[in-house]
Each structure stands twice: as structure tokens, then as C-alpha cells.
């Protein structure tokens, strides 16, 4: 079955929308469904000879990056391959000591403490690899990229409006999600407010990126209100308002702080792009900052937002710090090959000492994505991943002297910096749906600059 490029684009958007919307694909069943969908789409793309040729060109042009990423996937596979315990004793003595202490009655075991969870991590990385291959081909023109960014903006707007409504009526349970701890926070179809807030600020980033491309494409220096009505920018501004309300009412400090950083990043970029502080892009951002944060917060609880930022629940914060300290200790124990993707919860159950008289469920994450990832993949995996990041930046630095390439470099760099800062206190980046969206946005950096007007 041969499908045209436009149909393949729409299929990609539908698959991405479903994979990111339903509980951020955290459920194992949803992970497998997402993987089946992305793999099926990849084969459909290969049936189109023109698309297949472009995918091959994308691989060749960014060969070093894809090689390192493929090696990283191979490393994750090696982590779950059953190995003789004698070999594990040589390669990873701490893994061997752990298996002996819990008396595993098997001759073979993997480097990953929890192979089943690590398997799902591999599926997600394969999905990322497919996205990186096909997205730069399907959305290689500015009009196609604007189509993607507008879709993400609309999707985020719908989620924000729905989640805010559900919050106002008490956030009842829905689908796979039990609303026990977040009755008074916007979460919608997501597992918690932190993951949902991260999703919305990524949608807001897409909305602002749409405006940037729109201004560059049409060479706009002055933008009247009547012109905004005629263009999609008017609707984008409405979407951003609802996205801001949605982010605000999650009461997630990490997501709110990341959103503020993104807005300030675009404000800084607007000064560089227009060579003046007050310009069409900066006026939109200033409007968002003033109207949404100062006016709308009055109606949706500015006091509560401030309370979230200055919250002094020492016990809760102490536990988060203890989890991060615990993750550092586990990294030291499994520093070479790591303890495997998704295995933090197993280590928590085995080694973590809970305070007396404190009722606490199993912590599956360390509240620090960077430390947790480092512990999962060890120095070997981290070194491979670092090489892939370096090769990625080499790609987006190419032709940086051109204005549109400079835009891509600045905005994607801002996004990575903000995500890094958020990862220091959050665990949203371990949600598959969030990573699907992040990888898709970062795929913009792989678009061939010689064949695109982006």
C-alpha cells in the first residue's frame, strides 16, 4: 500500500498524539501499542520510494549520530541479555553480590536488575530512533513544520481546557488513572501534575516556535491586530493562554519554572532576531507574562502557586533529597554498566531505609532524571549517549551563519538547557510520552539544511 507524504504526515501526528495523550504511554500495554504504531508507520514510509530515498539520505547526512544512537540501543539490549553469573562476577561484581544476597536460584541473569522494565525502555528507544529517521523527512519544509507545531499547539490546548475543567469539578478518576493525590490540580488524562505540566510547556514551546517560523517565513517586522485575526497567530495566542492556565493550575513548581524559563528564552531570542526589545514576538510573550501570570492567576489561585514555590514541608523535601542521595549511592555501586532502565524501584525496595512511622509507597523514580539515568546506564552507556549528543550538536551547528539555522540552534539549545535544569528536581523525562514529544521536537535539528527553507 503506497501512501502519499501528506497521509504519512497525518498518520505520524495521530500516532504521536495518541502516544503522548493517554497517560503519557506509561502503562506497559500503551508502550507496546505505541511501539507497534511507530514500527508500522516506518514500514509504510519505506513503501514510498521517494520517502525511502529521503530516509536513506537523512541517515547518510547524519550518519555519525545514528551510529552512536544505534550503539546505545545495542548497549541497552546487552543489559537484558541473560549472562552466566560467573561472567557477571567478573564484569559487574556489585551485580553479582546483589544476586547472591537475594539468593537468585538461577545460573543466568542480566546486567539489568529488572530486565522486564528495561525491555520497555528498549522499545521506547527504538521508537525514538524511528522518529529521528522519519520526522526530518516528513516535515522537511517550513509549511510542513508549521503544520506539526500547530497540531501540537491544538493538542495541548485541548488537554489544558479539558484538564482545567476536570480540576474544577474535582478531578474524577478516568481510564487508567486514579485521581487520589491530585484532586485539586490539573492533570487530565495524565498520571500526575508534573508529567502533565511538562507536556503542556512543550506544547507552549511548539506554539512559540510556530510564531518564530511564521515571522521568518513572511518577513514580518510589524504585526497589527487585524493581521493577527487573518492569520493563525491569533489562534496560537489563544492556545498559549489556555496552555498557560493549564500549566499554572497543575501547581507543579518544576513545570511552572520551566515554562517561565522558556518564555524568557524566547524573549531573549526576539531581541536577537528583531534587534530591538519591543517587537511582534516580544509583545506576545510580554502579554502572556503579564496577563496570564498576574491576572489569570488571581482567578486560579495565585496564592496557591506562591505557596507551592515557598512550600516548607521539610519532611517531603527531605525525602526527595534522600532519594537523590540514594540514587548517587546506587550509581557508585553500579557505576560501570548501570542497574538497567526502570530498575530504580527494585533497588528502592531492596535497599532504601524508610523513616520510622512513615507511610510511603515504593518510589519508582529518584526525583532527579539525570542521576537516575546515570545509574541506569552507568558510565559505559553515558559515554555512548554523550557521543550521540555531541554529534547531534555538530549537526545543528552546521550553517549556523544563516539566520534560520541560527534560530534552530538557539531555540533547541534553550529547550535542552531548560530540560536539563528541570531534570535536576523532576522525573517527568522518564515518561515515554514526554520523551516522544521531546525527541520529535529535537528531530527538527536533523532536517537537511540544503534541502529545506526552515
Protein backbone atom coordinates (compact mmCIF):
# COMPACT_ATOMS: atom_id res chain seq x y z
CA UNK A 1 0.00 0.00 0.00
CA UNK A 2 1.61 3.23 -1.21
CA UNK A 3 0.70 6.29 0.83
CA UNK A 4 1.37 9.89 -0.13
CA UNK A 5 3.54 12.10 2.01
CA UNK A 6 0.60 14.13 3.30
CA UNK A 7 -1.15 10.96 4.52
CA UNK A 8 2.04 9.74 6.20
CA UNK A 9 2.38 13.11 7.92
CA UNK A 10 -1.16 12.84 9.26
CA UNK A 11 -0.55 9.27 10.45
CA UNK A 12 2.57 10.41 12.27
CA UNK A 13 0.66 13.21 14.00
CA UNK A 14 -2.15 10.85 15.01
CA UNK A 15 0.27 8.25 16.40
CA UNK A 16 2.26 10.91 18.24
CA UNK A 17 -0.93 12.48 19.60
CA UNK A 18 -2.28 9.16 20.91
CA UNK A 19 1.10 8.06 22.29
CA UNK A 20 1.59 11.28 24.24
CA UNK A 21 -2.01 11.86 25.34
CA UNK A 22 -3.10 8.64 27.04
CA UNK A 23 -1.30 8.62 30.37
CA UNK A 24 1.92 9.57 28.54
CA UNK A 25 2.16 5.88 27.48
CA UNK A 26 3.43 4.95 30.97
CA UNK A 27 1.28 1.82 31.09
CA UNK A 28 3.20 -1.23 29.65
CA UNK A 29 0.32 -2.01 27.30
CA UNK A 30 0.36 1.55 25.96
CA UNK A 31 4.15 1.35 25.49
CA UNK A 32 3.74 -1.72 23.30
CA UNK A 33 0.87 -0.17 21.34
CA UNK A 34 2.97 2.95 20.70
CA UNK A 35 5.89 0.80 19.55
CA UNK A 36 3.70 -1.20 17.16
CA UNK A 37 2.29 2.02 15.72
CA UNK A 38 5.69 3.66 15.13
CA UNK A 39 7.18 0.50 13.62
CA UNK A 40 4.16 0.09 11.32
CA UNK A 41 4.46 3.72 10.23
CA UNK A 42 8.15 3.20 9.50
CA UNK A 43 7.41 0.31 7.15
CA UNK A 44 4.67 2.31 5.46
CA UNK A 45 7.21 5.08 4.86
CA UNK A 46 9.60 2.56 3.28
CA UNK A 47 6.92 1.53 0.79
CA UNK A 48 7.01 5.03 -0.67
CA UNK A 49 10.17 5.03 -2.83
CA UNK A 50 10.60 8.81 -2.60
CA UNK A 51 10.25 8.82 1.20
CA UNK A 52 12.53 5.78 1.47
CA UNK A 53 15.22 7.57 -0.53
CA UNK A 54 14.90 10.64 1.70
CA UNK A 55 15.20 8.46 4.82
CA UNK A 56 18.41 6.98 3.41
CA UNK A 57 19.71 10.49 2.75
CA UNK A 58 18.78 11.53 6.29
CA UNK A 59 20.77 8.58 7.63
CA UNK A 60 23.77 9.31 5.42
CA UNK A 61 23.80 13.04 6.19
CA UNK A 62 23.63 12.37 9.94
CA UNK A 63 25.40 9.01 9.89
CA UNK A 64 27.63 9.51 12.93
CA UNK A 65 24.70 10.50 15.13
CA UNK A 66 22.62 7.49 14.08
CA UNK A 67 25.56 5.12 14.55
CA UNK A 68 26.10 6.27 18.14
CA UNK A 69 22.36 6.08 18.84
CA UNK A 70 22.20 2.56 17.40
CA UNK A 71 25.19 1.52 19.54
CA UNK A 72 23.33 2.92 22.57
CA UNK A 73 20.29 0.76 21.76
CA UNK A 74 22.60 -2.26 21.39
CA UNK A 75 24.06 -1.48 24.82
CA UNK A 76 20.56 -1.44 26.34
CA UNK A 77 19.88 -4.82 24.71
CA UNK A 78 23.12 -6.23 26.14
CA UNK A 79 21.93 -5.10 29.59
CA UNK A 80 18.96 -7.51 29.48
CA UNK A 81 20.65 -10.49 27.80
CA UNK A 82 20.95 -13.39 30.31
CA UNK A 83 24.62 -13.96 31.12
CA UNK A 84 26.34 -16.62 33.26
CA UNK A 85 26.68 -15.44 36.84
CA UNK A 86 30.41 -16.19 36.67
CA UNK A 87 30.77 -13.70 33.84
CA UNK A 88 28.71 -11.13 35.75
CA UNK A 89 31.03 -11.64 38.73
CA UNK A 90 33.93 -10.53 36.50
CA UNK A 91 32.16 -7.70 34.63
CA UNK A 92 29.98 -6.29 37.41
CA UNK A 93 30.93 -7.59 40.89
CA UNK A 94 28.28 -5.48 42.66
CA UNK A 95 25.54 -7.00 40.49
CA UNK A 96 26.87 -10.45 41.40
CA UNK A 97 26.93 -9.62 45.12
CA UNK A 98 23.35 -8.35 44.92
CA UNK A 99 22.14 -11.50 43.18
CA UNK A 100 23.86 -13.62 45.82
CA UNK A 101 22.38 -11.59 48.67
CA UNK A 102 18.81 -12.04 47.39
CA UNK A 103 19.58 -15.70 46.58
CA UNK A 104 18.65 -15.83 42.91
CA UNK A 105 18.33 -19.53 42.13
CA UNK A 106 19.43 -19.24 38.50
CA UNK A 107 22.65 -19.75 36.60
CA UNK A 108 21.89 -16.94 34.17
CA UNK A 109 20.92 -13.35 34.89
CA UNK A 110 21.24 -9.99 33.18
CA UNK A 111 23.20 -6.85 34.00
CA UNK A 112 19.83 -5.14 34.48
CA UNK A 113 18.30 -5.65 37.91
CA UNK A 114 14.81 -5.53 36.38
CA UNK A 115 15.00 -6.93 32.79
CA UNK A 116 11.27 -6.65 32.11
CA UNK A 117 11.19 -2.89 32.73
CA UNK A 118 14.44 -2.49 30.80
CA UNK A 119 12.80 -4.21 27.84
CA UNK A 120 10.17 -1.48 27.67
CA UNK A 121 12.95 1.10 27.80
CA UNK A 122 14.48 -0.52 24.71
CA UNK A 123 11.12 -0.34 22.91
CA UNK A 124 10.96 3.38 23.64
CA UNK A 125 14.50 3.94 22.33
CA UNK A 126 13.59 2.09 19.12
CA UNK A 127 10.61 4.43 18.79
CA UNK A 128 12.95 7.41 19.26
CA UNK A 129 15.25 6.03 16.56
CA UNK A 130 12.32 5.74 14.14
CA UNK A 131 11.13 9.28 14.92
CA UNK A 132 14.61 10.66 14.30
CA UNK A 133 14.72 8.86 10.95
CA UNK A 134 11.30 9.75 9.55
CA UNK A 135 10.37 13.12 11.07
CA UNK A 136 13.08 15.16 9.28
CA UNK A 137 11.86 13.58 6.02
CA UNK A 138 8.11 14.03 6.51
CA UNK A 139 8.35 17.61 7.86
CA UNK A 140 11.33 18.95 5.93
CA UNK A 141 9.74 22.23 4.79
CA UNK A 142 8.68 25.22 6.81
CA UNK A 143 5.00 24.74 5.90
CA UNK A 144 5.19 21.10 6.98
CA UNK A 145 6.94 22.00 10.21
CA UNK A 146 4.33 24.67 10.93
CA UNK A 147 1.67 22.01 10.39
CA UNK A 148 3.32 19.85 13.07
CA UNK A 149 3.77 22.73 15.52
CA UNK A 150 0.18 23.90 15.02
CA UNK A 151 -1.08 20.35 15.64
CA UNK A 152 0.87 20.12 18.92
CA UNK A 153 -0.48 23.54 19.93
CA UNK A 154 -4.07 22.44 19.28
CA UNK A 155 -3.49 19.16 21.11
CA UNK A 156 -2.04 20.96 24.13
CA UNK A 157 -4.91 23.46 24.09
CA UNK A 158 -7.49 20.65 24.17
CA UNK A 159 -5.69 18.92 27.04
CA UNK A 160 -5.33 22.15 29.01
CA UNK A 161 -9.02 23.08 28.61
CA UNK A 162 -10.17 19.56 29.49
CA UNK A 163 -7.82 19.21 32.48
CA UNK A 164 -8.77 22.62 33.89
CA UNK A 165 -12.46 21.71 33.64
CA UNK A 166 -11.86 18.37 35.38
CA UNK A 167 -9.92 20.12 38.13
CA UNK A 168 -12.84 22.48 38.76
CA UNK A 169 -15.27 19.57 39.18
CA UNK A 170 -12.95 17.59 41.45
CA UNK A 171 -10.73 15.67 39.00
CA UNK A 172 -12.61 12.34 38.99
CA UNK A 173 -10.95 9.08 38.00
CA UNK A 174 -10.66 8.34 34.32
CA UNK A 175 -9.42 5.46 32.19
CA UNK A 176 -6.16 4.07 33.64
CA UNK A 177 -5.69 6.87 36.15
CA UNK A 178 -6.92 7.08 39.75
CA UNK A 179 -7.07 10.68 40.95
CA UNK A 180 -6.16 10.20 44.60
CA UNK A 181 -3.40 12.73 45.27
CA UNK A 182 -4.28 15.34 42.63
CA UNK A 183 -7.96 16.16 43.13
CA UNK A 184 -7.28 19.92 43.13
CA UNK A 185 -4.67 20.04 40.36
CA UNK A 186 -4.93 19.91 36.57
CA UNK A 187 -3.85 16.51 35.30
CA UNK A 188 -6.46 15.48 32.71
CA UNK A 189 -5.51 12.16 31.12
CA UNK A 190 -2.01 12.19 32.62
CA UNK A 191 -0.57 10.29 35.54
CA UNK A 192 0.38 13.31 37.64
CA UNK A 193 0.68 17.06 37.55
CA UNK A 194 4.44 17.13 36.96
CA UNK A 195 4.23 14.99 33.81
CA UNK A 196 1.21 16.94 32.59
CA UNK A 197 2.85 20.29 33.27
CA UNK A 198 5.94 19.22 31.31
CA UNK A 199 3.76 18.13 28.41
CA UNK A 200 1.96 21.49 28.35
CA UNK A 201 5.15 23.55 28.45
CA UNK A 202 6.48 21.52 25.50
CA UNK A 203 3.24 22.34 23.66
CA UNK A 204 3.75 26.01 24.57
CA UNK A 205 7.30 25.80 23.20
CA UNK A 206 5.83 24.46 19.95
CA UNK A 207 3.35 27.35 19.83
CA UNK A 208 6.08 29.94 20.27
CA UNK A 209 8.28 28.16 17.72
CA UNK A 210 5.35 28.34 15.26
CA UNK A 211 5.25 32.12 15.70
CA UNK A 212 9.01 32.38 15.11
CA UNK A 213 8.83 30.40 11.84
CA UNK A 214 5.78 32.39 10.76
CA UNK A 215 7.63 35.70 11.26
CA UNK A 216 10.71 34.42 9.45
CA UNK A 217 8.78 32.96 6.55
CA UNK A 218 6.77 36.09 5.86
CA UNK A 219 9.50 38.54 6.94
CA UNK A 220 7.21 40.33 9.40
CA UNK A 221 8.52 43.32 11.33
CA UNK A 222 5.20 44.91 12.28
CA UNK A 223 2.15 42.88 13.12
CA UNK A 224 -1.19 44.61 13.66
CA UNK A 225 -4.16 43.07 15.44
CA UNK A 226 -6.14 42.84 12.18
CA UNK A 227 -3.28 40.89 10.61
CA UNK A 228 -3.30 38.53 13.57
CA UNK A 229 -7.01 37.87 13.06
CA UNK A 230 -6.38 36.91 9.44
CA UNK A 231 -3.54 34.54 10.30
CA UNK A 232 -3.24 31.51 12.59
CA UNK A 233 -1.24 33.61 15.05
CA UNK A 234 -4.47 34.84 16.64
CA UNK A 235 -5.48 31.23 17.39
CA UNK A 236 -1.97 30.38 18.57
CA UNK A 237 -2.19 33.20 21.13
CA UNK A 238 -5.49 31.80 22.39
CA UNK A 239 -3.92 28.34 22.62
CA UNK A 240 -0.98 29.73 24.61
CA UNK A 241 -3.34 31.44 27.05
CA UNK A 242 -5.10 28.13 27.77
CA UNK A 243 -1.76 26.30 27.91
CA UNK A 244 -0.57 28.82 30.49
CA UNK A 245 -3.72 28.33 32.56
CA UNK A 246 -3.22 24.58 32.34
CA UNK A 247 0.42 24.82 33.45
CA UNK A 248 -0.47 27.23 36.24
CA UNK A 249 -3.21 25.01 37.65
CA UNK A 250 -1.02 21.91 37.78
CA UNK A 251 0.68 23.64 40.76
CA UNK A 252 3.86 21.88 39.65
CA UNK A 253 6.83 24.03 40.63
CA UNK A 254 9.13 22.30 38.14
CA UNK A 255 6.75 22.74 35.19
CA UNK A 256 5.91 26.35 36.07
CA UNK A 257 9.57 27.26 36.47
CA UNK A 258 10.46 25.57 33.16
CA UNK A 259 7.68 27.45 31.42
CA UNK A 260 8.93 30.78 32.74
CA UNK A 261 12.43 29.91 31.50
CA UNK A 262 11.06 29.04 28.06
CA UNK A 263 9.18 32.34 27.84
CA UNK A 264 12.29 34.27 28.89
CA UNK A 265 14.33 32.30 26.34
CA UNK A 266 12.02 33.30 23.52
CA UNK A 267 12.00 36.87 24.84
CA UNK A 268 15.79 36.87 24.63
CA UNK A 269 15.66 35.38 21.13
CA UNK A 270 13.17 38.05 20.00
CA UNK A 271 15.71 40.73 20.94
CA UNK A 272 18.39 38.97 18.87
CA UNK A 273 16.07 38.40 15.91
CA UNK A 274 14.48 41.86 15.68
CA UNK A 275 17.40 43.87 17.11
CA UNK A 276 15.04 45.69 19.48
CA UNK A 277 13.29 44.89 22.74
CA UNK A 278 9.74 45.71 21.63
CA UNK A 279 8.85 43.67 18.55
CA UNK A 280 5.99 41.45 17.31
CA UNK A 281 7.30 38.38 19.14
CA UNK A 282 8.24 40.10 22.40
CA UNK A 283 4.83 41.80 22.66
CA UNK A 284 3.14 38.39 22.52
CA UNK A 285 5.42 37.00 25.24
CA UNK A 286 5.07 40.08 27.44
CA UNK A 287 1.29 39.81 27.05
CA UNK A 288 1.45 36.19 28.22
CA UNK A 289 3.65 37.05 31.19
CA UNK A 290 1.53 39.98 32.34
CA UNK A 291 -1.98 38.77 31.54
CA UNK A 292 -1.68 35.09 32.33
CA UNK A 293 0.59 35.13 35.35
CA UNK A 294 -0.64 38.30 37.02
CA UNK A 295 -4.32 38.41 36.03
CA UNK A 296 -5.42 34.83 35.41
CA UNK A 297 -3.53 33.59 38.46
CA UNK A 298 -5.87 35.70 40.60
CA UNK A 299 -8.80 33.60 39.40
CA UNK A 300 -6.97 30.28 39.58
CA UNK A 301 -5.15 30.75 42.86
CA UNK A 302 -2.03 32.87 42.74
CA UNK A 303 -1.66 32.36 46.46
CA UNK A 304 -1.61 28.63 45.94
CA UNK A 305 1.07 28.93 43.26
CA UNK A 306 3.24 31.05 45.56
CA UNK A 307 2.59 28.55 48.33
CA UNK A 308 3.87 25.76 46.07
CA UNK A 309 7.08 27.69 45.40
CA UNK A 310 7.79 28.54 49.03
CA UNK A 311 6.37 25.33 50.48
CA UNK A 312 8.34 24.31 53.54
CA UNK A 313 7.28 20.72 54.07
CA UNK A 314 10.67 19.69 55.41
CA UNK A 315 9.75 16.02 55.64
CA UNK A 316 8.66 15.83 52.00
CA UNK A 317 11.67 17.76 50.72
CA UNK A 318 13.99 15.74 52.93
CA UNK A 319 12.68 12.51 51.41
CA UNK A 320 13.29 13.85 47.89
CA UNK A 321 16.84 14.78 48.83
CA UNK A 322 17.28 11.35 50.40
CA UNK A 323 16.07 9.72 47.18
CA UNK A 324 18.63 11.69 45.20
CA UNK A 325 21.38 10.75 47.66
CA UNK A 326 20.22 7.14 47.40
CA UNK A 327 20.43 7.30 43.59
CA UNK A 328 24.03 8.58 43.87
CA UNK A 329 24.93 5.67 46.11
CA UNK A 330 23.39 3.20 43.68
CA UNK A 331 25.29 4.77 40.81
CA UNK A 332 28.51 4.21 42.76
CA UNK A 333 27.54 0.56 43.23
CA UNK A 334 26.72 0.01 39.56
CA UNK A 335 28.92 2.69 38.02
CA UNK A 336 30.23 0.76 35.00
CA UNK A 337 27.23 -0.88 33.30
CA UNK A 338 24.39 0.54 35.39
CA UNK A 339 21.48 -1.25 37.03
CA UNK A 340 19.16 -1.13 33.99
CA UNK A 341 16.38 1.08 32.72
CA UNK A 342 13.40 1.20 35.08
CA UNK A 343 15.16 -0.74 37.85
CA UNK A 344 15.29 2.08 40.41
CA UNK A 345 12.07 0.84 42.03
CA UNK A 346 13.59 -2.60 42.63
CA UNK A 347 16.66 -1.12 44.29
CA UNK A 348 14.41 1.09 46.41
CA UNK A 349 12.51 -1.94 47.71
CA UNK A 350 15.72 -3.80 48.49
CA UNK A 351 18.00 -1.14 49.98
CA UNK A 352 16.12 2.05 50.90
CA UNK A 353 15.56 2.61 54.60
CA UNK A 354 12.27 4.43 55.23
CA UNK A 355 11.90 6.75 58.23
CA UNK A 356 10.09 5.21 61.18
CA UNK A 357 6.30 5.65 61.35
CA UNK A 358 6.23 6.98 57.80
CA UNK A 359 3.76 5.52 55.33
CA UNK A 360 5.44 5.75 51.91
CA UNK A 361 4.80 3.77 48.77
CA UNK A 362 7.56 2.38 46.56
CA UNK A 363 9.48 5.16 44.81
CA UNK A 364 9.97 4.22 41.16
CA UNK A 365 11.96 7.37 40.40
CA UNK A 366 14.71 9.38 42.07
CA UNK A 367 13.17 12.86 41.54
CA UNK A 368 16.28 13.63 39.52
CA UNK A 369 16.20 12.35 35.95
CA UNK A 370 19.90 12.93 35.38
CA UNK A 371 21.07 10.94 38.41
CA UNK A 372 18.56 8.19 37.71
CA UNK A 373 19.61 7.90 34.06
CA UNK A 374 23.27 7.83 35.09
CA UNK A 375 22.55 4.97 37.47
CA UNK A 376 20.52 3.10 34.86
CA UNK A 377 23.12 3.11 32.10
CA UNK A 378 26.39 3.53 34.00
CA UNK A 379 29.50 5.17 32.59
CA UNK A 380 29.54 2.93 29.52
CA UNK A 381 26.03 3.89 28.45
CA UNK A 382 26.54 7.52 29.45
CA UNK A 383 29.69 7.75 27.31
CA UNK A 384 27.84 6.41 24.27
CA UNK A 385 24.91 8.76 24.87
CA UNK A 386 27.27 11.72 25.31
CA UNK A 387 28.89 10.97 21.94
CA UNK A 388 25.46 10.95 20.30
CA UNK A 389 24.64 14.33 21.89
CA UNK A 390 27.94 15.79 20.68
CA UNK A 391 27.29 14.54 17.14
CA UNK A 392 23.76 16.00 17.31
CA UNK A 393 25.08 19.44 18.22
CA UNK A 394 27.60 19.26 15.41
CA UNK A 395 24.66 18.79 13.05
CA UNK A 396 22.65 21.77 14.25
CA UNK A 397 25.75 23.98 14.34
CA UNK A 398 26.25 23.47 10.58
CA UNK A 399 25.49 26.58 8.52
CA UNK A 400 24.81 28.47 11.75
CA UNK A 401 25.66 31.73 9.98
CA UNK A 402 22.32 31.53 8.14
CA UNK A 403 19.52 33.20 10.10
CA UNK A 404 17.10 30.26 10.07
CA UNK A 405 19.87 27.84 11.13
CA UNK A 406 20.85 30.19 13.95
CA UNK A 407 17.21 30.24 15.06
CA UNK A 408 17.11 26.46 15.17
CA UNK A 409 20.34 26.27 17.15
CA UNK A 410 19.34 28.92 19.70
CA UNK A 411 15.82 27.65 20.38
CA UNK A 412 16.70 23.94 20.56
CA UNK A 413 19.67 24.78 22.79
CA UNK A 414 17.37 26.77 25.10
CA UNK A 415 14.98 23.83 25.25
CA UNK A 416 17.75 21.38 26.17
CA UNK A 417 19.08 23.73 28.85
CA UNK A 418 15.61 24.14 30.39
CA UNK A 419 15.01 20.38 30.31
CA UNK A 420 18.38 19.80 31.97
CA UNK A 421 17.53 22.26 34.75
CA UNK A 422 14.12 20.64 35.26
CA UNK A 423 15.64 17.15 35.31
CA UNK A 424 17.61 18.08 38.44
CA UNK A 425 14.42 18.05 40.55
CA UNK A 426 11.92 16.11 38.45
CA UNK A 427 11.24 12.70 36.92
CA UNK A 428 8.93 13.66 34.02
CA UNK A 429 11.56 12.86 31.41
CA UNK A 430 11.21 9.18 32.27
CA UNK A 431 7.61 9.24 30.99
CA UNK A 432 7.66 7.72 27.46
CA UNK A 433 5.06 10.14 26.06
CA UNK A 434 7.08 13.15 27.19
CA UNK A 435 10.21 11.76 25.58
CA UNK A 436 8.30 11.04 22.33
CA UNK A 437 7.45 14.72 22.12
CA UNK A 438 10.92 15.91 23.12
CA UNK A 439 12.66 13.66 20.58
CA UNK A 440 10.24 14.79 17.86
CA UNK A 441 10.99 18.46 18.57
CA UNK A 442 14.73 17.75 18.64
CA UNK A 443 14.37 15.95 15.28
CA UNK A 444 13.99 19.43 13.78
CA UNK A 445 17.75 19.70 14.22
CA UNK A 446 18.31 16.80 11.78
CA UNK A 447 16.44 18.38 8.87
CA UNK A 448 18.80 18.75 5.92
CA UNK A 449 19.64 22.48 5.72
CA UNK A 450 20.48 22.25 2.00
CA UNK A 451 17.04 21.00 1.01
CA UNK A 452 14.88 22.94 3.41
CA UNK A 453 13.79 26.52 3.84
CA UNK A 454 13.34 26.02 7.60
